[in-house]
Amino acid sequence: MTYSEAIDWIYSTQNFGIKLGLDAPTELLAQFLAFPKRETKVIHVAGTNGKGSTCALIDSLARSHGVRTGLFTSPHLVDFRERFRVNGEMISEELTAGYLTQIRDMVSDWEHHPTFFELALAVGMKYFCEMNCELIVLETGMGGRLDATTAVPADICVLTPIGMDHSQFLGDTLAKIAGEKAGIIVSDAPVVSAVQEKEASRVIAVQANKMRAPLSVVTETVQSYSVGLAGEHQRENAALALESLYLLGVELRYDAVRDGLSNVDWPGRFEIVSAEPITILDGAHNPHAAAALVETWREYYGDLKPTIIFGAIESKDLGGVLDCLTSITEKIIFTPIDSPKTVQFSDVQDLDSMKGVDLVKVDNIQEALDIVKLKNRPMLITGSLYLLGEYKAYVRNVEHVPTSQ
């Protein structure tokens, strides 16, 4: 297949939906010879908020210490290849097409076809293996216990702050969700956890004890270094990253830590894309993330009120997110996302949090940007990483192919 054909093929596999479980990805990785080599270390990161940022921080810090890294994250914003990076560089189109062609031919007669996410994981793991990565950093897709990434044996397990998340798959209480996230813990592998709510903390401690896995709860934040990601919460994520690498045995050096923390790049997390007019992108999609976004906005811009462009998919707590965001704005422009799972305008307009807010409906991100540009106002685009992807594709004048995984 050409690269374009390969991308069309893997996107078509989204029709197989989401299937949690380890048997299928384990078999896929085994048949594709994509498990990491014995000498390769793996750090596995799960949680509700800060997973991607923590992965990016671990990756950047490891590279600054001379470690050859493979980074697997999801979802991507614009380009499918964003999910796979070796030493910070995306996989090539040629390799992507080659791997996907091999996998397509291999699974063509399988009774149970792999899902989009399982196929993406196989591409990443094969790439990291063939590129001789010394450290692989894996971000879970959803949950942990039955997430495809958990099929890969981990040397360090990291748990970022846990909250209500994907309740339809993971459970309707914080304890149940924490149990799914803590399911990444494996026997004898150190566990690094952020400070958690009491209910989640108890679940993690029990699971770590059951697996005889030493547990480190990181209570301090990084204050002595400049962190290239905005917000106090990123200093918490940086502390998780440093503890993870320390437990892995990396000999941390002041200059390398300084460079790794200051040079980290993770788009879509309070990303300042323009200073005049102010334009910020942030994929806050739940109340915890929205609260962190509001705190960071005030840290940077005080009482300045942005026009917010908002769109979301299957929000777990739409009202909670908008309750936070309306504390810093008087105007919200709602745009649907190009996805069958998009939140609709009717889901937003009757919320109590919309009282007293100038709420405007548009059909797409282009219309929303046109409105803001006419007023030359500070702009905050938020609610979903998928919306941020649509924005980036529009400003780059490239096609945006919607994905839900």
Protein backbone atom coordinates (compact mmCIF):
# COMPACT_ATOMS: atom_id res chain seq x y z
CA MET A 1 0.00 0.00 0.00
CA THR A 2 1.02 3.59 -0.48
CA TYR A 3 1.01 5.75 2.63
CA SER A 4 -2.35 7.25 1.71
CA GLU A 5 -3.84 3.80 1.12
CA ALA A 6 -2.39 2.54 4.39
CA ILE A 7 -3.92 5.42 6.35
CA ASP A 8 -7.28 4.87 4.67
CA TRP A 9 -7.09 1.21 5.64
CA ILE A 10 -6.27 1.70 9.31
CA TYR A 11 -8.88 4.44 9.67
CA SER A 12 -11.45 2.02 8.25
CA THR A 13 -10.72 -0.32 11.15
CA GLN A 14 -12.33 2.13 13.56
CA ASN A 15 -15.54 0.35 12.55
CA PHE A 16 -14.39 -2.54 14.77
CA GLY A 17 -14.85 -0.25 17.77
CA ILE A 18 -13.10 -0.46 21.12
CA LYS A 19 -12.42 -3.93 22.51
CA LEU A 20 -10.76 -4.07 25.91
CA GLY A 21 -8.66 -7.14 26.65
CA LEU A 22 -5.10 -8.40 26.46
CA ASP A 23 -5.36 -11.65 24.49
CA ALA A 24 -5.81 -9.98 21.09
CA PRO A 25 -3.01 -7.39 21.37
CA THR A 26 -0.69 -9.99 22.88
CA GLU A 27 -1.24 -12.28 19.91
CA LEU A 28 -0.85 -9.41 17.44
CA LEU A 29 2.42 -8.23 18.98
CA ALA A 30 3.74 -11.79 19.10
CA GLN A 31 2.87 -12.62 15.49
CA PHE A 32 4.30 -9.29 14.28
CA LEU A 33 7.49 -9.86 16.29
CA ALA A 34 6.91 -6.53 17.98
CA PHE A 35 7.61 -7.21 21.65
CA PRO A 36 10.57 -5.25 23.02
CA LYS A 37 13.98 -6.85 23.33
CA ARG A 38 15.00 -8.13 26.75
CA GLU A 39 17.44 -5.27 27.31
CA THR A 40 14.86 -2.61 26.41
CA LYS A 41 13.22 -0.85 29.37
CA VAL A 42 9.52 0.12 29.38
CA ILE A 43 7.76 2.84 31.38
CA HIS A 44 3.97 2.51 31.27
CA VAL A 45 1.81 5.52 32.17
CA ALA A 46 -1.88 5.48 33.08
CA GLY A 47 -4.23 7.95 34.77
CA THR A 48 -6.97 10.42 33.95
CA ASN A 49 -5.12 13.71 33.55
CA GLY A 50 -1.52 14.43 32.63
CA LYS A 51 -0.72 11.06 31.02
CA GLY A 52 0.51 12.52 27.75
CA SER A 53 2.41 15.37 29.40
CA THR A 54 4.11 12.97 31.81
CA CYS A 55 5.10 10.69 28.93
CA ALA A 56 6.52 13.66 27.03
CA LEU A 57 8.48 14.76 30.11
CA ILE A 58 9.90 11.26 30.68
CA ASP A 59 10.88 11.07 27.02
CA SER A 60 12.53 14.50 26.98
CA LEU A 61 14.43 13.87 30.22
CA ALA A 62 15.64 10.46 29.06
CA ARG A 63 16.85 11.87 25.75
CA SER A 64 18.70 14.68 27.52
CA HIS A 65 20.59 11.96 29.41
CA GLY A 66 21.58 10.22 26.17
CA VAL A 67 18.97 7.46 26.26
CA ARG A 68 17.51 6.40 22.89
CA THR A 69 13.74 6.58 23.34
CA GLY A 70 10.55 5.40 21.70
CA LEU A 71 7.39 7.34 22.62
CA PHE A 72 3.88 5.98 22.01
CA THR A 73 0.95 8.33 22.68
CA SER A 74 -2.64 8.87 21.62
CA PRO A 75 -4.66 10.40 20.16
CA HIS A 76 -2.82 12.34 17.48
CA LEU A 77 -3.83 15.90 16.63
CA VAL A 78 -3.36 16.06 12.84
CA ASP A 79 -0.97 13.37 11.59
CA PHE A 80 -1.34 9.68 12.49
CA ARG A 81 2.46 9.46 12.71
CA GLU A 82 2.50 11.77 15.76
CA ARG A 83 1.77 8.64 17.83
CA PHE A 84 5.22 7.14 17.19
CA ARG A 85 8.45 8.99 17.87
CA VAL A 86 12.04 7.83 18.21
CA ASN A 87 14.33 10.37 19.88
CA GLY A 88 11.63 12.98 19.32
CA GLU A 89 11.22 12.39 15.58
CA MET A 90 8.04 11.02 13.97
CA ILE A 91 8.10 7.78 12.04
CA SER A 92 8.42 8.21 8.25
CA GLU A 93 5.51 7.75 5.85
CA GLU A 94 7.40 4.96 4.10
CA LEU A 95 7.92 2.90 7.25
CA THR A 96 4.32 3.50 8.35
CA ALA A 97 2.98 2.28 5.03
CA GLY A 98 5.31 -0.74 5.10
CA TYR A 99 4.32 -1.81 8.62
CA LEU A 100 0.60 -1.37 7.96
CA THR A 101 0.84 -3.35 4.72
CA GLN A 102 2.57 -6.20 6.54
CA ILE A 103 -0.03 -6.18 9.31
CA ARG A 104 -2.96 -6.01 6.89
CA ASP A 105 -1.70 -9.04 5.01
CA MET A 106 -0.99 -10.90 8.24
CA VAL A 107 -4.45 -10.39 9.82
CA SER A 108 -6.54 -10.64 6.66
CA ASP A 109 -7.84 -14.09 7.53
CA TRP A 110 -7.99 -13.72 11.31
CA GLU A 111 -11.36 -14.54 12.84
CA HIS A 112 -11.21 -11.51 15.15
CA HIS A 113 -9.78 -8.48 13.41
CA PRO A 114 -7.55 -6.21 15.52
CA THR A 115 -8.90 -2.79 16.44
CA PHE A 116 -7.51 0.56 15.30
CA PHE A 117 -5.71 1.07 18.61
CA GLU A 118 -4.24 -2.45 18.67
CA LEU A 119 -2.92 -1.95 15.14
CA ALA A 120 -1.41 1.41 16.07
CA LEU A 121 0.32 -0.15 19.08
CA ALA A 122 1.77 -2.89 16.87
CA VAL A 123 3.17 -0.30 14.47
CA GLY A 124 4.80 1.60 17.32
CA MET A 125 6.28 -1.42 19.03
CA LYS A 126 7.70 -2.83 15.79
CA TYR A 127 9.24 0.55 14.99
CA PHE A 128 10.80 0.93 18.43
CA CYS A 129 12.18 -2.61 18.24
CA GLU A 130 13.77 -2.14 14.83
CA MET A 131 15.17 1.29 15.82
CA ASN A 132 16.92 -0.29 18.83
CA CYS A 133 15.29 1.96 21.42
CA GLU A 134 16.74 1.64 24.91
CA LEU A 135 13.60 2.97 26.60
CA ILE A 136 9.97 2.79 25.47
CA VAL A 137 7.43 5.16 27.03
CA LEU A 138 3.85 3.93 26.64
CA GLU A 139 0.73 5.99 27.27
CA THR A 140 -2.37 3.91 27.92
CA GLY A 141 -5.29 4.48 25.60
CA MET A 142 -8.09 3.93 28.11
CA GLY A 143 -8.12 2.46 31.58
CA GLY A 144 -5.15 0.20 32.11
CA ARG A 145 -6.00 -3.32 33.27
CA LEU A 146 -7.40 -4.34 29.87
CA ASP A 147 -5.78 -1.65 27.71
CA ALA A 148 -3.77 -2.99 24.79
CA THR A 149 -0.60 -1.28 26.05
CA THR A 150 -0.69 -3.49 29.16
CA ALA A 151 0.19 -6.45 26.95
CA VAL A 152 3.73 -4.99 26.90
CA PRO A 153 5.71 -5.95 30.04
CA ALA A 154 6.63 -2.83 32.01
CA ASP A 155 9.65 -2.06 34.19
CA ILE A 156 8.11 1.04 35.80
CA CYS A 157 4.38 1.80 36.16
CA VAL A 158 3.26 5.42 36.56
CA LEU A 159 -0.15 6.65 37.71
CA THR A 160 -1.05 10.29 37.13
CA PRO A 161 -4.07 11.86 38.94
CA ILE A 162 -7.16 9.67 38.61
CA GLY A 163 -10.71 10.98 38.31
CA MET A 164 -14.02 10.00 36.77
CA ASP A 165 -13.16 8.88 33.26
CA HIS A 166 -14.82 6.73 30.56
CA SER A 167 -17.39 5.52 33.07
CA GLN A 168 -19.23 3.47 30.46
CA PHE A 169 -16.14 1.26 30.14
CA LEU A 170 -14.31 1.62 33.45
CA GLY A 171 -17.00 1.85 36.12
CA ASP A 172 -19.25 4.38 37.81
CA THR A 173 -17.22 5.06 40.96
CA LEU A 174 -13.75 6.46 41.54
CA ALA A 175 -12.71 3.20 43.21
CA LYS A 176 -13.71 1.12 40.20
CA ILE A 177 -11.93 3.47 37.79
CA ALA A 178 -8.82 3.51 39.99
CA GLY A 179 -8.91 -0.28 39.97
CA GLU A 180 -8.83 -0.30 36.18
CA LYS A 181 -6.00 2.25 36.04
CA ALA A 182 -4.02 0.43 38.74
CA GLY A 183 -4.37 -2.71 36.65
CA ILE A 184 -1.15 -1.75 34.86
CA ILE A 185 0.81 -2.64 38.02
CA VAL A 186 2.89 -5.77 37.49
CA SER A 187 4.74 -8.03 39.87
CA ASP A 188 7.88 -6.52 41.40
CA ALA A 189 7.94 -3.49 39.05
CA PRO A 190 8.15 -0.15 40.93
CA VAL A 191 5.02 2.02 40.89
CA VAL A 192 5.16 5.83 40.85
CA SER A 193 1.92 7.60 41.76
CA ALA A 194 0.79 11.17 41.97
CA VAL A 195 -1.09 12.25 45.08
CA GLN A 196 -4.58 10.78 44.63
CA GLU A 197 -7.97 11.23 46.18
CA LYS A 198 -8.35 8.99 49.23
CA GLU A 199 -10.57 6.44 47.48
CA ALA A 200 -8.16 6.02 44.56
CA SER A 201 -5.09 6.04 46.80
CA ARG A 202 -6.40 3.07 48.79
CA VAL A 203 -7.07 1.04 45.63
CA ILE A 204 -3.56 1.72 44.29
CA ALA A 205 -1.92 0.78 47.59
CA VAL A 206 -3.85 -2.48 47.76
CA GLN A 207 -2.98 -3.43 44.18
CA ALA A 208 0.71 -2.57 44.63
CA ASN A 209 0.82 -4.64 47.81
CA LYS A 210 -0.92 -7.55 46.09
CA MET A 211 1.63 -7.50 43.26
CA ARG A 212 4.58 -7.00 45.64
CA ALA A 213 5.39 -3.85 43.69
CA PRO A 214 7.19 -1.07 45.61
CA LEU A 215 5.03 2.07 45.62
CA SER A 216 6.37 5.64 45.62
CA VAL A 217 3.86 8.47 46.06
CA VAL A 218 5.32 11.74 44.78
CA THR A 219 4.21 14.55 47.07
CA GLU A 220 6.63 17.29 46.02
CA THR A 221 6.61 19.30 42.80
CA VAL A 222 9.59 20.46 40.73
CA GLN A 223 10.42 24.03 41.70
CA SER A 224 14.16 24.38 41.09
CA TYR A 225 13.98 24.06 37.31
CA SER A 226 12.18 25.78 34.46
CA VAL A 227 9.55 23.48 32.94
CA GLY A 228 8.69 23.97 29.27
CA LEU A 229 4.98 23.18 29.86
CA ALA A 230 2.80 25.83 31.46
CA GLY A 231 0.98 25.43 34.76
CA GLU A 232 1.69 24.25 38.29
CA HIS A 233 0.22 20.83 37.44
CA GLN A 234 3.04 20.31 34.95
CA ARG A 235 5.52 20.67 37.78
CA GLU A 236 3.71 17.77 39.45
CA ASN A 237 4.01 15.76 36.23
CA ALA A 238 7.70 16.66 36.01
CA ALA A 239 8.24 15.25 39.50
CA LEU A 240 6.57 11.97 38.43
CA ALA A 241 8.85 11.83 35.39
CA LEU A 242 12.01 12.39 37.42
CA GLU A 243 11.05 9.77 40.02
CA SER A 244 10.32 7.25 37.26
CA LEU A 245 13.72 7.67 35.65
CA TYR A 246 15.48 7.59 39.02
CA LEU A 247 13.83 4.26 39.87
CA LEU A 248 14.74 2.99 36.40
CA GLY A 249 18.38 3.59 37.26
CA VAL A 250 19.13 6.66 35.14
CA GLU A 251 21.89 8.71 36.77
CA LEU A 252 20.21 12.11 36.79
CA ARG A 253 22.49 15.09 36.18
CA TYR A 254 21.67 18.72 36.87
CA ASP A 255 22.44 19.99 33.37
CA ALA A 256 20.59 17.15 31.65
CA VAL A 257 17.54 17.55 33.91
CA ARG A 258 17.55 21.29 33.21
CA ASP A 259 17.68 20.74 29.47
CA GLY A 260 15.14 17.93 29.45
CA LEU A 261 12.55 19.85 31.45
CA SER A 262 12.98 23.17 29.65
CA ASN A 263 12.99 21.72 26.12
CA VAL A 264 9.98 19.41 26.44
CA ASP A 265 7.38 19.86 23.71
CA TRP A 266 3.81 18.64 24.07
CA PRO A 267 1.26 20.37 21.79
CA GLY A 268 -2.28 21.09 22.93
CA ARG A 269 -1.56 21.63 26.62
CA PHE A 270 -1.79 25.37 27.25
CA GLU A 271 -0.03 25.77 23.93
CA ILE A 272 0.54 29.43 23.09
CA VAL A 273 0.22 29.60 19.31
CA SER A 274 0.02 33.38 19.10
CA ALA A 275 0.88 36.26 21.43
CA GLU A 276 -0.94 38.92 19.38
CA PRO A 277 -3.78 38.31 19.55
CA ILE A 278 -3.42 35.82 22.39
CA THR A 279 -4.36 32.34 21.16
CA ILE A 280 -4.16 29.35 23.47
CA LEU A 281 -4.91 25.68 22.75
CA ASP A 282 -5.71 23.30 25.60
CA GLY A 283 -7.40 19.90 25.38
CA ALA A 284 -9.14 20.11 28.78
CA HIS A 285 -11.98 17.58 28.58
CA ASN A 286 -12.98 16.98 32.21
CA PRO A 287 -13.48 19.18 35.30
CA HIS A 288 -10.05 18.42 36.78
CA ALA A 289 -8.30 19.42 33.56
CA ALA A 290 -10.56 22.45 33.10
CA ALA A 291 -9.75 23.65 36.62
CA ALA A 292 -6.03 23.35 35.88
CA LEU A 293 -6.55 25.28 32.64
CA VAL A 294 -8.39 28.09 34.44
CA GLU A 295 -5.66 28.30 37.08
CA THR A 296 -2.96 28.48 34.42
CA TRP A 297 -4.86 31.13 32.44
CA ARG A 298 -5.08 33.32 35.54
CA GLU A 299 -1.39 32.71 36.28
CA TYR A 300 -0.47 34.01 32.82
CA TYR A 301 -3.19 36.55 32.03
CA GLY A 302 -4.84 37.54 35.30
CA ASP A 303 -8.39 38.83 34.88
CA LEU A 304 -8.19 39.07 31.08
CA LYS A 305 -11.27 37.35 29.65
CA PRO A 306 -10.83 35.31 26.48
CA THR A 307 -13.42 34.33 23.94
CA ILE A 308 -13.63 30.57 24.25
CA ILE A 309 -14.13 28.30 21.26
CA PHE A 310 -15.51 25.07 22.66
CA GLY A 311 -16.26 21.64 21.24
CA ALA A 312 -16.28 18.21 22.83
CA ILE A 313 -17.09 14.54 22.34
CA GLU A 314 -18.88 12.30 24.78
CA SER A 315 -18.07 14.53 27.72
CA LYS A 316 -18.21 12.70 31.02
CA ASP A 317 -19.16 15.87 32.90
CA LEU A 318 -19.96 18.61 30.40
CA GLY A 319 -21.53 20.81 33.04
CA GLY A 320 -18.50 20.50 35.32
CA VAL A 321 -16.13 21.48 32.52
CA LEU A 322 -18.18 24.52 31.52
CA ASP A 323 -18.71 25.58 35.15
CA CYS A 324 -14.93 25.99 35.32
CA LEU A 325 -14.51 27.70 31.95
CA THR A 326 -17.28 30.25 32.46
CA SER A 327 -15.36 31.66 35.43
CA ILE A 328 -12.88 33.28 33.01
CA THR A 329 -15.08 34.23 30.04
CA GLU A 330 -18.19 36.08 29.02
CA LYS A 331 -18.45 34.57 25.53
CA ILE A 332 -18.36 30.95 24.34
CA ILE A 333 -18.52 29.97 20.69
CA PHE A 334 -19.74 26.40 20.37
CA THR A 335 -18.69 24.34 17.37
CA PRO A 336 -19.46 20.67 16.77
CA ILE A 337 -16.55 18.31 16.15
CA ASP A 338 -16.37 16.23 12.99
CA SER A 339 -17.30 13.02 14.77
CA PRO A 340 -20.51 11.04 15.33
CA LYS A 341 -19.68 11.31 19.04
CA THR A 342 -19.69 15.12 19.09
CA VAL A 343 -21.51 17.00 21.80
CA GLN A 344 -24.44 18.92 20.29
CA PHE A 345 -25.39 22.56 20.85
CA SER A 346 -28.56 21.39 22.58
CA ASP A 347 -26.41 19.58 25.15
CA VAL A 348 -24.79 22.89 26.06
CA GLN A 349 -27.39 25.63 25.78
CA ASP A 350 -29.63 24.49 28.65
CA LEU A 351 -26.84 24.02 31.21
CA ASP A 352 -27.04 26.23 34.29
CA SER A 353 -23.46 27.30 33.69
CA MET A 354 -24.53 28.99 30.44
CA LYS A 355 -26.72 31.53 32.23
CA GLY A 356 -25.18 34.97 31.86
CA VAL A 357 -22.78 33.79 29.12
CA ASP A 358 -22.99 34.97 25.52
CA LEU A 359 -23.30 31.57 23.81
CA VAL A 360 -22.93 31.47 20.04
CA LYS A 361 -23.45 28.47 17.75
CA VAL A 362 -21.40 27.94 14.58
CA ASP A 363 -21.04 25.01 12.20
CA ASN A 364 -17.26 24.53 12.25
CA ILE A 365 -13.93 25.81 13.51
CA GLN A 366 -13.46 28.15 10.54
CA GLU A 367 -16.66 30.06 11.34
CA ALA A 368 -15.64 30.30 14.98
CA LEU A 369 -12.22 31.73 14.10
CA ASP A 370 -13.78 34.26 11.73
CA ILE A 371 -15.96 35.61 14.54
CA VAL A 372 -13.07 35.99 16.98
CA LYS A 373 -10.75 37.57 14.41
CA LEU A 374 -13.32 40.27 13.66
CA LYS A 375 -13.13 41.36 17.30
CA ASN A 376 -9.35 40.82 17.65
CA ARG A 377 -9.93 39.27 21.06
CA PRO A 378 -7.86 36.86 23.18
CA MET A 379 -8.90 33.35 22.21
CA LEU A 380 -8.91 30.03 24.08
CA ILE A 381 -9.71 26.88 22.08
CA THR A 382 -10.58 23.99 24.35
CA GLY A 383 -12.85 21.08 25.24
CA SER A 384 -11.25 18.28 23.25
CA LEU A 385 -7.97 17.35 21.63
CA TYR A 386 -10.00 16.49 18.53
CA LEU A 387 -11.10 20.13 18.24
CA LEU A 388 -7.48 21.21 18.56
CA GLY A 389 -6.62 18.85 15.73
CA GLU A 390 -9.25 20.46 13.53
CA TYR A 391 -7.80 23.89 14.31
CA LYS A 392 -4.25 22.84 13.52
CA ALA A 393 -5.29 21.18 10.27
CA TYR A 394 -7.21 24.30 9.24
CA VAL A 395 -4.35 26.73 9.88
CA ARG A 396 -1.91 24.39 8.10
CA ASN A 397 -4.34 23.99 5.21
CA VAL A 398 -4.17 20.20 5.37
CA GLU A 399 -6.92 17.60 5.39
CA HIS A 400 -8.23 16.57 8.79
CA VAL A 401 -9.47 13.00 8.94
CA PRO A 402 -11.58 12.47 12.08
CA THR A 403 -10.63 9.70 14.49
CA SER A 404 -12.19 8.61 17.76
CA GLN A 405 -9.29 6.50 19.01
